[in-house]
N, C-alpha and C. Protein backbone atom coordinates (compact mmCIF):
# COMPACT_ATOMS: atom_id res chain seq x y z
N MET A 1 -37.09 -46.73 14.09
CA MET A 1 -35.86 -46.41 13.57
C MET A 1 -34.92 -45.52 14.12
N GLN A 2 -34.13 -44.86 13.80
CA GLN A 2 -32.88 -44.89 14.83
C GLN A 2 -31.81 -44.28 14.00
N PHE A 3 -31.00 -43.07 14.38
CA PHE A 3 -29.88 -42.82 13.32
C PHE A 3 -28.49 -43.48 13.03
N HIS A 4 -28.48 -43.91 13.68
CA HIS A 4 -27.31 -45.25 13.67
C HIS A 4 -27.37 -46.62 12.76
N ASN A 5 -28.93 -46.36 12.54
CA ASN A 5 -29.34 -48.19 12.23
C ASN A 5 -29.99 -47.96 10.92
N LEU A 6 -29.88 -46.29 9.91
CA LEU A 6 -30.01 -46.37 9.04
C LEU A 6 -28.48 -47.11 7.52
N LYS A 7 -28.80 -46.69 6.54
CA LYS A 7 -28.22 -47.64 6.05
C LYS A 7 -28.28 -47.19 4.15
N ARG A 8 -27.09 -46.96 4.06
CA ARG A 8 -27.31 -45.97 2.24
C ARG A 8 -27.47 -46.71 1.09
N ASN A 9 -28.39 -46.48 0.37
CA ASN A 9 -28.42 -47.36 -0.52
C ASN A 9 -27.96 -48.65 -1.32
N THR A 10 -26.38 -46.89 -1.93
CA THR A 10 -25.73 -48.08 -2.93
C THR A 10 -24.00 -47.68 -2.06
N SER A 11 -23.51 -48.72 -2.21
CA SER A 11 -21.75 -48.80 -1.77
C SER A 11 -20.96 -48.25 -2.27
N ASN A 12 -20.02 -47.71 -1.61
CA ASN A 12 -19.11 -46.47 -1.33
C ASN A 12 -17.99 -46.68 -2.66
N LYS A 13 -17.97 -46.27 -3.66
CA LYS A 13 -17.47 -46.45 -5.51
C LYS A 13 -16.24 -46.25 -5.36
N LYS A 14 -14.68 -47.43 -4.80
CA LYS A 14 -13.36 -46.73 -5.04
C LYS A 14 -12.88 -46.31 -6.07
N SER A 15 -11.85 -45.44 -6.34
CA SER A 15 -11.33 -44.82 -8.17
C SER A 15 -10.64 -45.82 -7.81
N LYS A 16 -10.23 -46.18 -9.56
CA LYS A 16 -9.74 -46.53 -9.82
C LYS A 16 -7.95 -45.66 -9.75
N ARG A 17 -6.58 -46.45 -9.32
CA ARG A 17 -5.68 -45.89 -8.80
C ARG A 17 -4.91 -46.47 -10.27
N VAL A 18 -4.55 -45.64 -10.99
CA VAL A 18 -3.39 -45.42 -12.05
C VAL A 18 -2.64 -44.40 -12.05
N GLY A 19 -1.38 -44.56 -13.06
CA GLY A 19 -0.14 -43.47 -12.79
C GLY A 19 0.49 -42.96 -12.60
N ARG A 20 1.18 -42.52 -12.30
CA ARG A 20 2.44 -42.05 -11.36
C ARG A 20 2.21 -40.52 -10.48
N GLY A 21 2.28 -40.84 -9.64
CA GLY A 21 2.17 -39.56 -9.21
C GLY A 21 0.64 -39.25 -8.14
N GLY A 22 0.26 -39.22 -6.88
CA GLY A 22 -0.66 -38.79 -6.48
C GLY A 22 -2.70 -39.61 -7.31
N THR A 23 -2.92 -38.74 -7.21
CA THR A 23 -4.46 -38.89 -7.02
C THR A 23 -5.08 -39.09 -8.84
N ARG A 24 -3.97 -38.02 -9.34
CA ARG A 24 -4.64 -38.14 -10.61
C ARG A 24 -5.05 -39.03 -11.39
N GLY A 25 -4.68 -39.62 -10.97
CA GLY A 25 -4.46 -40.53 -12.27
C GLY A 25 -3.92 -40.99 -13.35
N LYS A 26 -4.14 -42.25 -13.86
CA LYS A 26 -3.56 -42.26 -15.97
C LYS A 26 -2.21 -41.78 -15.74
N THR A 27 -2.54 -39.90 -16.31
CA THR A 27 -1.45 -39.04 -16.91
C THR A 27 -1.10 -38.25 -16.07
N SER A 28 -1.42 -38.09 -14.29
CA SER A 28 -1.13 -37.65 -13.73
C SER A 28 -1.11 -36.15 -14.23
N GLY A 29 -2.62 -35.50 -15.10
CA GLY A 29 -2.24 -34.47 -15.14
C GLY A 29 -1.44 -33.60 -15.96
N ARG A 30 -0.33 -34.52 -16.76
CA ARG A 30 0.52 -34.24 -17.64
C ARG A 30 0.23 -34.31 -19.06
N GLY A 31 -0.78 -34.54 -19.52
CA GLY A 31 -1.64 -34.34 -20.76
C GLY A 31 -1.13 -36.03 -21.82
N THR A 32 -1.27 -35.94 -22.99
CA THR A 32 -0.89 -37.32 -23.32
C THR A 32 0.93 -36.57 -24.06
N LYS A 33 1.90 -38.47 -23.83
CA LYS A 33 2.90 -38.45 -24.39
C LYS A 33 3.42 -36.74 -25.10
N GLY A 34 5.21 -36.96 -25.78
CA GLY A 34 5.83 -35.80 -25.91
C GLY A 34 6.34 -35.72 -25.01
N GLN A 35 7.18 -34.24 -25.13
CA GLN A 35 8.26 -33.57 -24.52
C GLN A 35 7.56 -33.03 -22.96
N ASN A 36 6.73 -32.96 -23.28
CA ASN A 36 5.74 -32.51 -22.02
C ASN A 36 4.88 -33.67 -21.14
N ALA A 37 5.31 -34.67 -21.82
CA ALA A 37 4.83 -35.87 -20.51
C ALA A 37 6.18 -36.16 -19.85
N ARG A 38 6.90 -35.74 -20.26
CA ARG A 38 7.79 -36.87 -19.89
C ARG A 38 8.42 -36.14 -18.28
N ALA A 39 9.57 -36.96 -17.74
CA ALA A 39 9.95 -36.26 -16.45
C ALA A 39 10.65 -35.71 -16.72
N GLY A 40 11.77 -34.84 -15.82
CA GLY A 40 12.70 -33.88 -16.71
C GLY A 40 12.53 -33.44 -18.10
N ARG A 41 11.82 -32.48 -18.46
CA ARG A 41 11.41 -32.14 -18.98
C ARG A 41 12.23 -30.02 -18.81
N LYS A 42 12.90 -30.18 -20.17
CA LYS A 42 13.31 -28.70 -19.71
C LYS A 42 12.26 -28.22 -21.10
N LYS A 43 11.92 -27.03 -21.20
CA LYS A 43 11.52 -26.85 -22.35
C LYS A 43 11.12 -24.96 -21.99
N ARG A 44 11.87 -24.38 -23.62
CA ARG A 44 11.70 -22.67 -23.07
C ARG A 44 10.26 -22.21 -23.34
N PRO A 45 9.92 -21.46 -22.03
CA PRO A 45 9.56 -20.54 -22.99
C PRO A 45 8.92 -19.89 -24.52
N GLU A 46 7.50 -20.00 -24.79
CA GLU A 46 7.75 -19.98 -26.14
C GLU A 46 7.87 -17.95 -26.67
N MET A 47 7.25 -17.09 -25.59
CA MET A 47 6.54 -15.90 -25.43
C MET A 47 8.01 -15.17 -25.21
N ARG A 48 9.11 -16.00 -24.55
CA ARG A 48 10.20 -15.75 -24.52
C ARG A 48 11.23 -15.56 -25.96
N ASP A 49 10.74 -16.43 -26.83
CA ASP A 49 11.76 -16.09 -27.84
C ASP A 49 11.39 -15.11 -28.82
N VAL A 50 10.37 -14.95 -28.60
CA VAL A 50 9.49 -13.48 -29.55
C VAL A 50 9.35 -12.46 -28.66
N ILE A 51 9.71 -12.70 -27.86
CA ILE A 51 10.29 -11.11 -26.94
C ILE A 51 12.28 -10.95 -27.42
N LYS A 52 12.66 -11.69 -26.96
CA LYS A 52 13.74 -11.90 -27.12
C LYS A 52 14.76 -11.14 -28.29
N LYS A 53 13.70 -11.79 -30.27
CA LYS A 53 13.69 -11.59 -31.15
C LYS A 53 13.39 -9.47 -31.06
N LEU A 54 12.62 -9.00 -30.13
CA LEU A 54 11.62 -7.67 -30.64
C LEU A 54 13.11 -6.74 -30.22
N PRO A 55 13.07 -5.66 -31.38
CA PRO A 55 14.78 -4.56 -30.62
C PRO A 55 14.24 -3.96 -29.59
N LYS A 56 14.60 -3.36 -28.52
CA LYS A 56 14.95 -2.58 -28.04
C LYS A 56 14.80 -1.06 -28.10
N LEU A 57 13.63 -0.73 -27.61
CA LEU A 57 12.89 0.57 -27.35
C LEU A 57 14.11 1.25 -26.24
N ARG A 58 15.61 1.96 -26.90
CA ARG A 58 16.11 3.17 -25.83
C ARG A 58 15.17 4.53 -25.90
N GLY A 59 15.67 5.04 -24.61
CA GLY A 59 15.50 6.16 -24.61
C GLY A 59 14.52 6.73 -23.95
N ARG A 60 13.01 6.90 -24.18
CA ARG A 60 12.26 7.90 -23.22
C ARG A 60 11.46 7.06 -21.91
N GLY A 61 11.41 5.50 -21.95
CA GLY A 61 10.63 5.14 -21.15
C GLY A 61 9.11 4.57 -20.89
N LYS A 62 8.96 5.17 -20.28
CA LYS A 62 7.66 4.52 -19.82
C LYS A 62 6.61 5.66 -20.87
N ASN A 63 7.15 6.89 -20.50
CA ASN A 63 6.18 7.69 -20.63
C ASN A 63 6.09 8.37 -22.19
N SER A 64 6.61 7.20 -23.20
CA SER A 64 7.24 7.36 -24.67
C SER A 64 6.13 8.31 -25.11
N LEU A 65 4.55 8.62 -25.52
CA LEU A 65 3.80 8.95 -25.67
C LEU A 65 3.80 10.46 -25.02
N LYS A 66 4.46 10.69 -24.13
CA LYS A 66 4.34 12.26 -23.76
C LYS A 66 5.49 12.89 -24.17
N SER A 67 4.96 14.00 -24.52
CA SER A 67 5.88 15.38 -25.11
C SER A 67 6.71 15.64 -24.46
N ARG A 68 7.73 15.97 -25.12
CA ARG A 68 9.06 16.22 -24.48
C ARG A 68 9.10 17.73 -24.25
N PHE A 69 7.72 18.14 -25.19
CA PHE A 69 8.38 19.80 -25.52
C PHE A 69 6.98 21.13 -24.24
N LYS A 70 7.04 21.35 -23.54
CA LYS A 70 5.90 21.88 -22.73
C LYS A 70 5.34 22.65 -23.37
N LYS A 71 4.01 23.15 -23.16
CA LYS A 71 2.76 22.64 -24.57
C LYS A 71 2.47 24.59 -23.86
N VAL A 72 2.51 25.46 -25.35
CA VAL A 72 2.40 26.37 -25.66
C VAL A 72 1.00 26.77 -25.34
N LEU A 73 0.44 27.83 -24.96
CA LEU A 73 -0.59 28.49 -24.55
C LEU A 73 -1.09 29.80 -25.25
N PRO A 74 -2.08 29.13 -26.66
CA PRO A 74 -2.05 30.31 -27.93
C PRO A 74 -3.30 31.20 -27.55
N ILE A 75 -2.40 32.86 -27.91
CA ILE A 75 -3.22 34.07 -27.55
C ILE A 75 -4.20 34.85 -28.83
N LYS A 76 -4.88 34.91 -29.07
CA LYS A 76 -5.10 35.89 -30.26
C LYS A 76 -4.75 37.24 -30.26
N LEU A 77 -4.40 37.69 -31.58
CA LEU A 77 -4.08 39.04 -31.71
C LEU A 77 -4.94 39.78 -30.97
N SER A 78 -6.35 39.88 -31.32
CA SER A 78 -7.81 40.33 -30.99
C SER A 78 -7.39 40.61 -29.71
N ILE A 79 -7.12 39.89 -28.80
CA ILE A 79 -8.07 39.78 -27.25
C ILE A 79 -6.37 40.59 -26.54
N LEU A 80 -5.62 41.01 -27.64
CA LEU A 80 -4.74 41.55 -26.75
C LEU A 80 -4.99 43.37 -27.09
N GLU A 81 -5.93 43.26 -28.64
CA GLU A 81 -5.93 44.23 -28.93
C GLU A 81 -7.23 45.15 -28.05
N ASP A 82 -8.03 43.72 -27.42
CA ASP A 82 -9.21 44.40 -26.61
C ASP A 82 -8.75 44.76 -25.33
N ASN A 83 -7.74 44.56 -25.03
CA ASN A 83 -6.92 44.59 -23.21
C ASN A 83 -5.58 45.40 -22.86
N PHE A 84 -4.71 45.65 -24.21
CA PHE A 84 -4.11 46.79 -24.26
C PHE A 84 -4.21 47.91 -24.88
N THR A 85 -3.43 49.38 -24.96
CA THR A 85 -3.44 50.07 -25.48
C THR A 85 -2.76 50.21 -26.50
N ASP A 86 -2.25 50.92 -27.50
CA ASP A 86 -1.43 50.84 -28.37
C ASP A 86 -0.49 51.55 -28.27
N GLY A 87 0.78 50.81 -28.83
CA GLY A 87 2.22 50.71 -28.41
C GLY A 87 2.79 50.49 -26.67
N GLU A 88 1.76 49.74 -26.11
CA GLU A 88 2.15 49.43 -24.55
C GLU A 88 2.99 48.02 -24.65
N THR A 89 3.44 47.30 -24.24
CA THR A 89 4.58 46.56 -23.65
C THR A 89 3.47 45.53 -23.30
N VAL A 90 4.13 44.57 -24.02
CA VAL A 90 3.08 42.73 -24.21
C VAL A 90 4.43 41.30 -23.46
N ASN A 91 3.87 41.10 -22.24
CA ASN A 91 5.14 40.78 -21.70
C ASN A 91 4.14 39.31 -20.83
N TYR A 92 4.67 38.72 -20.03
CA TYR A 92 4.05 37.69 -19.50
C TYR A 92 3.52 38.16 -17.60
N LYS A 93 4.43 39.32 -16.92
CA LYS A 93 3.60 40.06 -16.59
C LYS A 93 2.20 41.01 -16.55
N ALA A 94 2.39 41.92 -17.55
CA ALA A 94 1.00 42.07 -18.18
C ALA A 94 -0.18 41.47 -18.73
N LEU A 95 0.56 39.87 -19.10
CA LEU A 95 -0.52 39.34 -19.26
C LEU A 95 -1.44 38.92 -17.90
N LEU A 96 -0.62 38.62 -16.92
CA LEU A 96 -1.23 37.56 -15.81
C LEU A 96 -2.10 38.67 -15.23
N GLU A 97 -1.72 40.18 -15.19
CA GLU A 97 -2.31 41.70 -14.41
C GLU A 97 -3.25 41.86 -15.42
N LYS A 98 -3.75 41.12 -16.04
CA LYS A 98 -5.08 41.33 -17.23
C LYS A 98 -5.89 40.84 -16.94
N GLY A 99 -5.36 39.00 -16.70
CA GLY A 99 -6.16 38.19 -16.53
C GLY A 99 -6.26 37.95 -17.38
N ILE A 100 -5.73 37.55 -18.56
CA ILE A 100 -5.37 37.36 -20.11
C ILE A 100 -4.68 35.26 -19.94
N ILE A 101 -4.25 35.16 -18.71
CA ILE A 101 -3.15 33.95 -18.49
C ILE A 101 -3.02 33.64 -17.23
N LYS A 102 -3.26 32.58 -16.48
CA LYS A 102 -3.68 32.46 -15.42
C LYS A 102 -2.44 31.13 -15.33
N THR A 103 -2.27 31.36 -13.93
CA THR A 103 -0.94 30.22 -13.43
C THR A 103 -0.91 28.61 -13.43
N LYS A 104 -0.43 27.61 -13.25
CA LYS A 104 -0.52 26.74 -13.57
C LYS A 104 -0.02 25.84 -11.98
N ASN A 105 -0.02 25.48 -10.88
CA ASN A 105 0.52 24.75 -10.02
C ASN A 105 1.96 26.51 -10.05
N LYS A 106 1.27 27.20 -9.56
CA LYS A 106 2.44 28.18 -9.05
C LYS A 106 3.56 28.48 -10.49
N ARG A 107 3.20 28.12 -11.47
CA ARG A 107 4.18 28.51 -12.78
C ARG A 107 3.58 29.26 -13.86
N ILE A 108 3.50 29.79 -14.63
CA ILE A 108 3.89 30.63 -15.29
C ILE A 108 3.47 30.32 -17.19
N PRO A 109 2.55 29.70 -17.50
CA PRO A 109 2.46 29.08 -18.57
C PRO A 109 3.05 29.60 -19.91
N LYS A 110 3.69 29.01 -20.38
CA LYS A 110 4.62 29.43 -22.18
C LYS A 110 3.21 29.94 -22.94
N VAL A 111 3.82 31.27 -23.78
CA VAL A 111 2.44 31.91 -24.70
C VAL A 111 3.11 31.93 -25.66
N LYS A 112 2.27 32.00 -27.07
CA LYS A 112 2.13 31.82 -28.16
C LYS A 112 1.45 32.94 -28.63
N ILE A 113 1.94 33.73 -29.20
CA ILE A 113 0.56 35.07 -29.63
C ILE A 113 0.39 34.63 -31.56
N LEU A 114 -0.76 34.51 -31.69
CA LEU A 114 -0.53 34.48 -33.26
C LEU A 114 -2.00 35.18 -33.91
N ALA A 115 -1.77 35.49 -35.51
CA ALA A 115 -2.49 36.44 -36.16
C ALA A 115 -4.37 35.96 -36.31
N ASP A 116 -5.09 36.48 -36.18
CA ASP A 116 -6.16 36.30 -36.49
C ASP A 116 -7.44 36.77 -36.93
N LYS A 117 -6.98 38.56 -37.14
CA LYS A 117 -7.20 39.50 -37.49
C LYS A 117 -6.63 40.23 -38.35
N GLU A 118 -6.99 41.16 -38.93
CA GLU A 118 -6.48 42.67 -38.82
C GLU A 118 -6.44 44.30 -37.38
N ILE A 119 -5.23 44.10 -37.00
CA ILE A 119 -5.36 45.37 -36.30
C ILE A 119 -4.92 46.83 -36.20
N LYS A 120 -5.10 47.51 -35.50
CA LYS A 120 -5.06 49.11 -35.75
C LYS A 120 -3.69 49.19 -34.62
N LYS A 121 -3.39 48.30 -33.64
CA LYS A 121 -2.88 48.91 -32.77
C LYS A 121 -1.42 48.38 -33.06
N SER A 122 -0.43 48.23 -31.97
CA SER A 122 0.80 48.10 -32.26
C SER A 122 1.34 47.72 -30.73
N PHE A 123 1.96 46.67 -31.28
CA PHE A 123 2.55 46.20 -29.42
C PHE A 123 4.43 45.99 -29.45
N VAL A 124 4.87 45.97 -28.30
CA VAL A 124 5.80 45.33 -27.88
C VAL A 124 5.87 44.56 -27.27
N PHE A 125 6.57 43.51 -27.57
CA PHE A 125 6.55 42.38 -27.17
C PHE A 125 8.12 42.16 -26.41
N GLU A 126 8.49 41.02 -25.63
CA GLU A 126 9.24 41.23 -24.64
C GLU A 126 9.27 39.24 -23.61
N ASP A 127 10.38 38.72 -24.25
CA ASP A 127 10.33 37.18 -23.74
C ASP A 127 8.93 36.50 -24.29
N ILE A 128 7.98 37.24 -25.27
CA ILE A 128 7.13 35.70 -25.90
C ILE A 128 7.17 35.97 -27.10
N LYS A 129 6.90 34.35 -27.25
CA LYS A 129 6.62 33.78 -28.78
C LYS A 129 5.80 34.23 -29.87
N ILE A 130 6.36 34.57 -30.59
CA ILE A 130 5.03 35.18 -31.60
C ILE A 130 5.12 34.66 -33.19
N SER A 131 4.45 33.98 -34.05
CA SER A 131 3.72 34.16 -35.08
C SER A 131 4.62 35.01 -36.02
N ILE A 132 4.76 34.26 -37.25
CA ILE A 132 5.34 35.18 -38.45
C ILE A 132 4.20 35.96 -38.65
N LYS A 133 3.44 35.64 -38.90
CA LYS A 133 2.31 36.61 -39.13
C LYS A 133 2.09 38.25 -38.13
N VAL A 134 1.71 37.57 -36.69
CA VAL A 134 2.06 38.44 -36.02
C VAL A 134 2.96 39.78 -36.55
N LYS A 135 4.34 39.18 -37.10
CA LYS A 135 5.66 40.28 -36.58
C LYS A 135 5.39 40.70 -37.74
N LYS A 136 4.89 40.71 -39.09
CA LYS A 136 4.27 41.52 -40.17
C LYS A 136 3.48 42.60 -40.22
N LEU A 137 1.92 41.58 -39.21
CA LEU A 137 0.78 43.14 -39.28
C LEU A 137 1.67 43.66 -38.03
N ASN A 138 2.70 43.54 -37.64
CA ASN A 138 3.39 44.56 -36.11
C ASN A 138 4.41 45.48 -36.68
N GLU A 139 4.75 45.31 -37.53
CA GLU A 139 5.81 46.29 -37.93
C GLU A 139 5.06 47.44 -38.25
């Protein structure tokens, strides 16, 4: 037996050709009946109507969850008491020199002094935010 003598057991079965539009058959991939099956259909996308009804959110853009305000670094009074002497001025330059705060991307972070316990020293604050409790303690 040689390769050219081989014959298949079943004959080729040709598929039934039905419907319009190529080889898909019957409904030609359009499902059944209705507006979707018709030629020249014009149907609005459902999601578009939903989107159009939503109010437009003006303003903050894609970073709407990001705070507009700069983050403030809290510093406790007890830390100042350990690092500064009585009557010394506390400002950003002094805090950097003492190593209490560090620069981030070559920028000095905003600072707020918070009270955590009674202190015996008094300080002179320059250009730094202070809590109301610290103001009362510092007087």
